[in-house]
Amino acid sequence: MTKQTGPKRRIRHSAATLLVLAVAAALMLSAIAGPSLAKKPDGAKAKFRALVCKGEVTAVNTAANSLTVKIVRGKKALVGKDVTFTLAGKSVVMKVGSDGAEVISLGGVAVGDRVLVHSRVDRTNPQAPVHTAWLILDRGPAPLK
């Protein structure tokens, strides 16, 4: 047996290195996502899913800490519908303008403002999913046409 040298050995070595790195990256991503975004062992869908959508604010309820958005872009099943997002304890609402972004309270969001909502959907009850927003970017009112 002769020791393999040259380009063939380098190719095998780099392919093995890439495979190890890919597996390590996949393990890290699953650890970061946590059990809430991972699939169950039996193959069923997970209870929580991430959702990002754009829309126009139709109602703001500061007492209930929620806002209702008419979805313009996002999940196909939600486009054109009004979805109510509740804010969790660590949720952030930011006003985005030409001079940058600043953190505001939910009361600073007005009806008619365009928003980008990052949320988490709890599908424990499939008939009534709960949308919990963790980031709301308020882009101001829609421009006049």
C-alpha atoms as a PDB file:
ATOM      1  CA  MET A   1       0.000   0.000   0.000  1.00  0.00           C
ATOM      2  CA  THR A   2       1.202   3.410  -0.899  1.00  0.00           C
ATOM      3  CA  LYS A   3       0.379   6.598   0.880  1.00  0.00           C
ATOM      4  CA  GLN A   4      -1.870   8.795  -1.203  1.00  0.00           C
ATOM      5  CA  THR A   5      -0.567  12.272  -1.914  1.00  0.00           C
ATOM      6  CA  GLY A   6      -1.399  15.057  -4.260  1.00  0.00           C
ATOM      7  CA  PRO A   7      -4.752  16.553  -5.256  1.00  0.00           C
ATOM      8  CA  LYS A   8      -6.897  13.454  -4.561  1.00  0.00           C
ATOM      9  CA  ARG A   9      -5.922  13.404  -0.904  1.00  0.00           C
ATOM     10  CA  ARG A  10      -6.590  17.146  -0.567  1.00  0.00           C
ATOM     11  CA  ILE A  11     -10.045  16.743  -2.092  1.00  0.00           C
ATOM     12  CA  ARG A  12     -10.965  13.895   0.274  1.00  0.00           C
ATOM     13  CA  HIS A  13      -9.573  15.808   3.225  1.00  0.00           C
ATOM     14  CA  SER A  14     -11.485  19.002   2.387  1.00  0.00           C
ATOM     15  CA  ALA A  15     -14.719  17.081   1.731  1.00  0.00           C
ATOM     16  CA  ALA A  16     -14.459  15.415   5.136  1.00  0.00           C
ATOM     17  CA  THR A  17     -13.738  18.760   6.785  1.00  0.00           C
ATOM     18  CA  LEU A  18     -16.788  20.327   5.115  1.00  0.00           C
ATOM     19  CA  LEU A  19     -18.977  17.445   6.256  1.00  0.00           C
ATOM     20  CA  VAL A  20     -17.822  17.815   9.866  1.00  0.00           C
ATOM     21  CA  LEU A  21     -18.377  21.588   9.745  1.00  0.00           C
ATOM     22  CA  ALA A  22     -21.872  21.161   8.261  1.00  0.00           C
ATOM     23  CA  VAL A  23     -22.888  18.727  10.992  1.00  0.00           C
ATOM     24  CA  ALA A  24     -21.459  21.028  13.681  1.00  0.00           C
ATOM     25  CA  ALA A  25     -23.334  24.023  12.224  1.00  0.00           C
ATOM     26  CA  ALA A  26     -26.598  22.058  12.119  1.00  0.00           C
ATOM     27  CA  LEU A  27     -26.186  21.032  15.762  1.00  0.00           C
ATOM     28  CA  MET A  28     -25.456  24.631  16.791  1.00  0.00           C
ATOM     29  CA  LEU A  29     -28.514  25.955  14.947  1.00  0.00           C
ATOM     30  CA  SER A  30     -30.794  23.376  16.538  1.00  0.00           C
ATOM     31  CA  ALA A  31     -29.386  24.276  19.958  1.00  0.00           C
ATOM     32  CA  ILE A  32     -29.958  27.997  19.332  1.00  0.00           C
ATOM     33  CA  ALA A  33     -33.504  27.490  18.013  1.00  0.00           C
ATOM     34  CA  GLY A  34     -34.341  25.434  21.071  1.00  0.00           C
ATOM     35  CA  PRO A  35     -37.082  22.886  21.478  1.00  0.00           C
ATOM     36  CA  SER A  36     -39.856  25.362  20.614  1.00  0.00           C
ATOM     37  CA  LEU A  37     -38.883  25.541  16.935  1.00  0.00           C
ATOM     38  CA  ALA A  38     -37.702  21.951  16.543  1.00  0.00           C
ATOM     39  CA  LYS A  39     -39.894  19.145  15.266  1.00  0.00           C
ATOM     40  CA  LYS A  40     -41.262  16.606  17.662  1.00  0.00           C
ATOM     41  CA  PRO A  41     -39.758  13.095  17.559  1.00  0.00           C
ATOM     42  CA  ASP A  42     -42.967  11.605  16.143  1.00  0.00           C
ATOM     43  CA  GLY A  43     -42.770  13.900  13.083  1.00  0.00           C
ATOM     44  CA  ALA A  44     -45.693  16.125  14.110  1.00  0.00           C
ATOM     45  CA  LYS A  45     -45.468  19.866  13.670  1.00  0.00           C
ATOM     46  CA  ALA A  46     -43.986  21.901  16.486  1.00  0.00           C
ATOM     47  CA  LYS A  47     -46.329  24.014  18.596  1.00  0.00           C
ATOM     48  CA  PHE A  48     -44.474  27.286  18.026  1.00  0.00           C
ATOM     49  CA  ARG A  49     -43.481  28.837  14.690  1.00  0.00           C
ATOM     50  CA  ALA A  50     -41.780  32.081  13.752  1.00  0.00           C
ATOM     51  CA  LEU A  51     -43.726  34.554  11.616  1.00  0.00           C
ATOM     52  CA  VAL A  52     -42.609  37.765   9.929  1.00  0.00           C
ATOM     53  CA  CYS A  53     -45.190  39.912   8.165  1.00  0.00           C
ATOM     54  CA  LYS A  54     -45.890  43.436   6.937  1.00  0.00           C
ATOM     55  CA  GLY A  55     -49.139  45.283   7.189  1.00  0.00           C
ATOM     56  CA  GLU A  56     -51.141  48.308   8.218  1.00  0.00           C
ATOM     57  CA  VAL A  57     -52.275  48.890  11.795  1.00  0.00           C
ATOM     58  CA  THR A  58     -56.068  48.786  12.122  1.00  0.00           C
ATOM     59  CA  ALA A  59     -56.346  48.953  15.930  1.00  0.00           C
ATOM     60  CA  VAL A  60     -54.125  49.569  18.966  1.00  0.00           C
ATOM     61  CA  ASN A  61     -55.173  48.429  22.443  1.00  0.00           C
ATOM     62  CA  THR A  62     -52.669  49.656  25.026  1.00  0.00           C
ATOM     63  CA  ALA A  63     -54.747  48.299  27.930  1.00  0.00           C
ATOM     64  CA  ALA A  64     -54.563  44.735  26.532  1.00  0.00           C
ATOM     65  CA  ASN A  65     -51.007  45.351  25.230  1.00  0.00           C
ATOM     66  CA  SER A  66     -51.949  44.299  21.692  1.00  0.00           C
ATOM     67  CA  LEU A  67     -52.363  45.640  18.198  1.00  0.00           C
ATOM     68  CA  THR A  68     -54.302  44.471  15.163  1.00  0.00           C
ATOM     69  CA  VAL A  69     -52.653  44.493  11.740  1.00  0.00           C
ATOM     70  CA  LYS A  70     -54.157  43.946   8.289  1.00  0.00           C
ATOM     71  CA  ILE A  71     -51.519  41.706   6.695  1.00  0.00           C
ATOM     72  CA  VAL A  72     -50.197  42.806   3.293  1.00  0.00           C
ATOM     73  CA  ARG A  73     -47.152  40.519   3.036  1.00  0.00           C
ATOM     74  CA  GLY A  74     -46.270  37.378   4.895  1.00  0.00           C
ATOM     75  CA  LYS A  75     -47.770  33.940   5.157  1.00  0.00           C
ATOM     76  CA  LYS A  76     -50.132  33.398   2.238  1.00  0.00           C
ATOM     77  CA  ALA A  77     -53.001  32.218   4.443  1.00  0.00           C
ATOM     78  CA  LEU A  78     -52.901  35.488   6.439  1.00  0.00           C
ATOM     79  CA  VAL A  79     -52.634  38.027   3.589  1.00  0.00           C
ATOM     80  CA  GLY A  80     -55.670  40.301   3.568  1.00  0.00           C
ATOM     81  CA  LYS A  81     -56.772  39.277   7.075  1.00  0.00           C
ATOM     82  CA  ASP A  82     -56.681  41.185  10.363  1.00  0.00           C
ATOM     83  CA  VAL A  83     -54.373  39.512  12.885  1.00  0.00           C
ATOM     84  CA  THR A  84     -54.100  40.526  16.540  1.00  0.00           C
ATOM     85  CA  PHE A  85     -50.587  40.465  18.006  1.00  0.00           C
ATOM     86  CA  THR A  86     -50.051  40.547  21.757  1.00  0.00           C
ATOM     87  CA  LEU A  87     -46.812  41.946  23.158  1.00  0.00           C
ATOM     88  CA  ALA A  88     -44.791  39.898  25.639  1.00  0.00           C
ATOM     89  CA  GLY A  89     -42.754  41.339  28.511  1.00  0.00           C
ATOM     90  CA  LYS A  90     -39.546  41.765  26.499  1.00  0.00           C
ATOM     91  CA  SER A  91     -41.192  42.951  23.266  1.00  0.00           C
ATOM     92  CA  VAL A  92     -39.642  45.958  21.531  1.00  0.00           C
ATOM     93  CA  VAL A  93     -41.509  48.592  19.514  1.00  0.00           C
ATOM     94  CA  MET A  94     -39.322  50.839  17.342  1.00  0.00           C
ATOM     95  CA  LYS A  95     -40.162  53.867  15.211  1.00  0.00           C
ATOM     96  CA  VAL A  96     -38.081  53.781  12.027  1.00  0.00           C
ATOM     97  CA  GLY A  97     -37.429  57.020  10.172  1.00  0.00           C
ATOM     98  CA  SER A  98     -34.962  58.579   7.780  1.00  0.00           C
ATOM     99  CA  ASP A  99     -32.771  59.657  10.699  1.00  0.00           C
ATOM    100  CA  GLY A 100     -32.620  56.193  12.279  1.00  0.00           C
ATOM    101  CA  ALA A 101     -34.703  54.199  14.728  1.00  0.00           C
ATOM    102  CA  GLU A 102     -35.788  54.818  18.301  1.00  0.00           C
ATOM    103  CA  VAL A 103     -37.560  52.668  20.863  1.00  0.00           C
ATOM    104  CA  ILE A 104     -41.125  53.812  21.587  1.00  0.00           C
ATOM    105  CA  SER A 105     -44.075  52.524  23.599  1.00  0.00           C
ATOM    106  CA  LEU A 106     -47.076  50.788  22.062  1.00  0.00           C
ATOM    107  CA  GLY A 107     -49.007  54.036  22.495  1.00  0.00           C
ATOM    108  CA  GLY A 108     -46.705  55.638  19.917  1.00  0.00           C
ATOM    109  CA  VAL A 109     -48.096  53.388  17.175  1.00  0.00           C
ATOM    110  CA  ALA A 110     -51.044  54.962  15.349  1.00  0.00           C
ATOM    111  CA  VAL A 111     -53.833  53.444  13.284  1.00  0.00           C
ATOM    112  CA  GLY A 112     -52.804  53.561   9.615  1.00  0.00           C
ATOM    113  CA  ASP A 113     -49.073  53.117  10.277  1.00  0.00           C
ATOM    114  CA  ARG A 114     -47.164  50.545   8.243  1.00  0.00           C
ATOM    115  CA  VAL A 115     -45.467  47.956  10.454  1.00  0.00           C
ATOM    116  CA  LEU A 116     -43.127  45.013  10.150  1.00  0.00           C
ATOM    117  CA  VAL A 117     -43.915  42.439  12.840  1.00  0.00           C
ATOM    118  CA  HIS A 118     -41.637  39.628  14.025  1.00  0.00           C
ATOM    119  CA  SER A 119     -43.676  37.205  16.065  1.00  0.00           C
ATOM    120  CA  ARG A 120     -44.061  33.710  17.382  1.00  0.00           C
ATOM    121  CA  VAL A 121     -47.229  31.721  16.760  1.00  0.00           C
ATOM    122  CA  ASP A 122     -48.500  29.306  19.400  1.00  0.00           C
ATOM    123  CA  ARG A 123     -50.537  26.622  17.653  1.00  0.00           C
ATOM    124  CA  THR A 124     -51.399  24.602  20.744  1.00  0.00           C
ATOM    125  CA  ASN A 125     -55.019  25.224  19.795  1.00  0.00           C
ATOM    126  CA  PRO A 126     -55.092  25.082  15.946  1.00  0.00           C
ATOM    127  CA  GLN A 127     -58.515  26.778  15.773  1.00  0.00           C
ATOM    128  CA  ALA A 128     -57.271  29.833  17.689  1.00  0.00           C
ATOM    129  CA  PRO A 129     -53.508  30.404  17.238  1.00  0.00           C
ATOM    130  CA  VAL A 130     -51.942  33.037  19.508  1.00  0.00           C
ATOM    131  CA  HIS A 131     -49.583  35.532  17.839  1.00  0.00           C
ATOM    132  CA  THR A 132     -47.010  36.989  20.250  1.00  0.00           C
ATOM    133  CA  ALA A 133     -44.898  39.806  18.801  1.00  0.00           C
ATOM    134  CA  TRP A 134     -41.337  40.280  20.020  1.00  0.00           C
ATOM    135  CA  LEU A 135     -40.353  43.089  17.596  1.00  0.00           C
ATOM    136  CA  ILE A 136     -42.521  45.701  15.893  1.00  0.00           C
ATOM    137  CA  LEU A 137     -40.953  48.166  13.479  1.00  0.00           C
ATOM    138  CA  ASP A 138     -43.257  51.138  12.898  1.00  0.00           C
ATOM    139  CA  ARG A 139     -42.477  52.715   9.527  1.00  0.00           C
ATOM    140  CA  GLY A 140     -44.986  55.545   9.806  1.00  0.00           C
ATOM    141  CA  PRO A 141     -48.139  56.241   7.821  1.00  0.00           C
ATOM    142  CA  ALA A 142     -48.526  55.022   4.257  1.00  0.00           C
ATOM    143  CA  PRO A 143     -47.530  57.604   1.637  1.00  0.00           C
ATOM    144  CA  LEU A 144     -50.302  59.358  -0.247  1.00  0.00           C
ATOM    145  CA  LYS A 145     -50.925  58.142  -3.770  1.00  0.00           C
END
